[in-house]
Amino acid sequence: MKLLSILLQAAPTGGKDNGMMTILMMVAFVGIFYFFFIRPQQKKQKEIKKQREAMKAGDKVVTSGGIYGKIKDVNDTSFTIEIAENVRIKVDKASVFATADDLTKTQQ
């Protein structure tokens, strides 16, 4: 709001047309910002969430910390991942970003 008031004060005083033009420019700026920054990020987050929900026991995954492993158990908010023989860790679902198979496909 402070930015809007500064822009409106900086507009030349020539009547209603200049004020209306300033408001239209602000609306256009917000629209451009939404379509180029906010919307693509929301779509990407939905895609990542969909991938996490599709993960099941036996899938090979990589955590955000770079740990490779295989999912052994799926809970509501976490995965149990086997990172070596008889070595299992419990991680939050939000820390698993991709399956190991997806990473090898993109690197080729």
Protein backbone atom coordinates (compact mmCIF):
# COMPACT_ATOMS: atom_id res chain seq x y z
CA MET A 1 0.00 0.00 0.00
CA LYS A 2 2.85 2.35 0.78
CA LEU A 3 4.29 1.83 -2.71
CA LEU A 4 0.90 2.55 -4.26
CA SER A 5 0.53 5.79 -2.33
CA ILE A 6 4.05 6.89 -3.35
CA LEU A 7 3.30 6.16 -7.01
CA LEU A 8 0.01 8.00 -6.86
CA GLN A 9 1.69 11.03 -5.28
CA ALA A 10 4.44 10.97 -7.91
CA ALA A 11 1.91 11.01 -10.74
CA PRO A 12 1.52 14.40 -12.42
CA THR A 13 -1.59 16.26 -11.37
CA GLY A 14 -3.50 16.70 -14.56
CA GLY A 15 -6.87 15.24 -13.77
CA LYS A 16 -8.57 11.89 -13.51
CA ASP A 17 -6.88 10.42 -16.59
CA ASN A 18 -3.40 10.42 -15.05
CA GLY A 19 -4.62 8.77 -11.86
CA MET A 20 -6.51 6.16 -13.83
CA MET A 21 -3.45 5.49 -16.00
CA THR A 22 -1.32 4.94 -12.89
CA ILE A 23 -3.82 2.47 -11.48
CA LEU A 24 -3.98 0.61 -14.81
CA MET A 25 -0.19 0.40 -14.87
CA MET A 26 -0.16 -1.05 -11.35
CA VAL A 27 -2.81 -3.63 -12.28
CA ALA A 28 -0.82 -4.59 -15.38
CA PHE A 29 2.34 -4.91 -13.28
CA VAL A 30 0.62 -7.18 -10.76
CA GLY A 31 -0.85 -9.29 -13.60
CA ILE A 32 2.51 -9.73 -15.29
CA PHE A 33 4.16 -10.59 -11.97
CA TYR A 34 1.48 -13.21 -11.26
CA PHE A 35 1.67 -14.93 -14.65
CA PHE A 36 5.46 -14.99 -14.87
CA PHE A 37 6.43 -15.78 -11.26
CA ILE A 38 3.63 -16.94 -8.98
CA ARG A 39 1.61 -19.21 -11.28
CA PRO A 40 4.55 -21.29 -12.60
CA GLN A 41 5.78 -21.83 -9.04
CA GLN A 42 2.33 -23.02 -7.93
CA LYS A 43 2.17 -25.46 -10.84
CA LYS A 44 5.61 -26.83 -9.97
CA GLN A 45 4.64 -27.31 -6.32
CA LYS A 46 1.49 -29.21 -7.33
CA GLU A 47 3.56 -31.48 -9.58
CA ILE A 48 6.06 -32.22 -6.79
CA LYS A 49 3.21 -32.98 -4.36
CA LYS A 50 1.63 -35.33 -6.90
CA GLN A 51 4.95 -37.17 -7.35
CA ARG A 52 5.36 -37.59 -3.58
CA GLU A 53 1.85 -39.00 -3.24
CA ALA A 54 2.59 -41.51 -6.02
CA MET A 55 5.73 -42.85 -4.30
CA LYS A 56 5.38 -46.33 -2.87
CA ALA A 57 7.45 -48.97 -1.11
CA GLY A 58 10.28 -50.20 -3.33
CA ASP A 59 10.85 -46.90 -5.16
CA LYS A 60 14.41 -45.57 -5.23
CA VAL A 61 14.55 -41.96 -4.02
CA VAL A 62 16.95 -39.12 -3.26
CA THR A 63 16.42 -36.83 -0.27
CA SER A 64 17.08 -33.11 -0.22
CA GLY A 65 20.28 -33.89 1.68
CA GLY A 66 21.53 -36.08 -1.18
CA ILE A 67 20.92 -39.45 0.45
CA TYR A 68 20.05 -42.22 -1.99
CA GLY A 69 17.88 -45.06 -0.78
CA LYS A 70 14.86 -47.27 -1.28
CA ILE A 71 11.48 -46.65 0.33
CA LYS A 72 10.57 -49.41 2.76
CA ASP A 73 7.50 -47.90 4.43
CA VAL A 74 5.15 -45.00 3.66
CA ASN A 75 3.33 -43.09 6.42
CA ASP A 76 1.11 -40.02 6.28
CA THR A 77 3.93 -37.53 6.78
CA SER A 78 7.11 -39.58 6.44
CA PHE A 79 8.99 -42.30 4.59
CA THR A 80 11.20 -45.02 6.03
CA ILE A 81 14.12 -45.31 3.65
CA GLU A 82 16.74 -48.07 3.57
CA ILE A 83 20.07 -46.50 2.70
CA ALA A 84 22.20 -49.62 3.20
CA GLU A 85 21.56 -53.20 4.14
CA ASN A 86 19.63 -53.15 7.45
CA VAL A 87 20.18 -49.38 7.82
CA ARG A 88 16.90 -47.48 7.77
CA ILE A 89 16.13 -43.82 8.36
CA LYS A 90 12.85 -42.03 8.77
CA VAL A 91 12.54 -38.80 6.76
CA ASP A 92 9.80 -36.26 6.26
CA LYS A 93 7.95 -36.51 2.94
CA ALA A 94 8.80 -32.89 2.17
CA SER A 95 12.52 -33.74 2.11
CA VAL A 96 12.17 -36.26 -0.73
CA PHE A 97 12.22 -34.45 -4.05
CA ALA A 98 12.72 -37.01 -6.78
CA THR A 99 13.05 -40.65 -7.46
CA ALA A 100 16.52 -41.86 -8.35
CA ASP A 101 15.16 -43.16 -11.65
CA ASP A 102 13.94 -39.66 -12.59
CA LEU A 103 17.37 -38.20 -11.90
CA THR A 104 19.18 -40.72 -14.11
CA LYS A 105 16.75 -40.06 -16.97
CA THR A 106 17.34 -36.30 -16.86
CA GLN A 107 21.14 -36.68 -16.72
CA GLN A 108 21.33 -38.79 -19.87
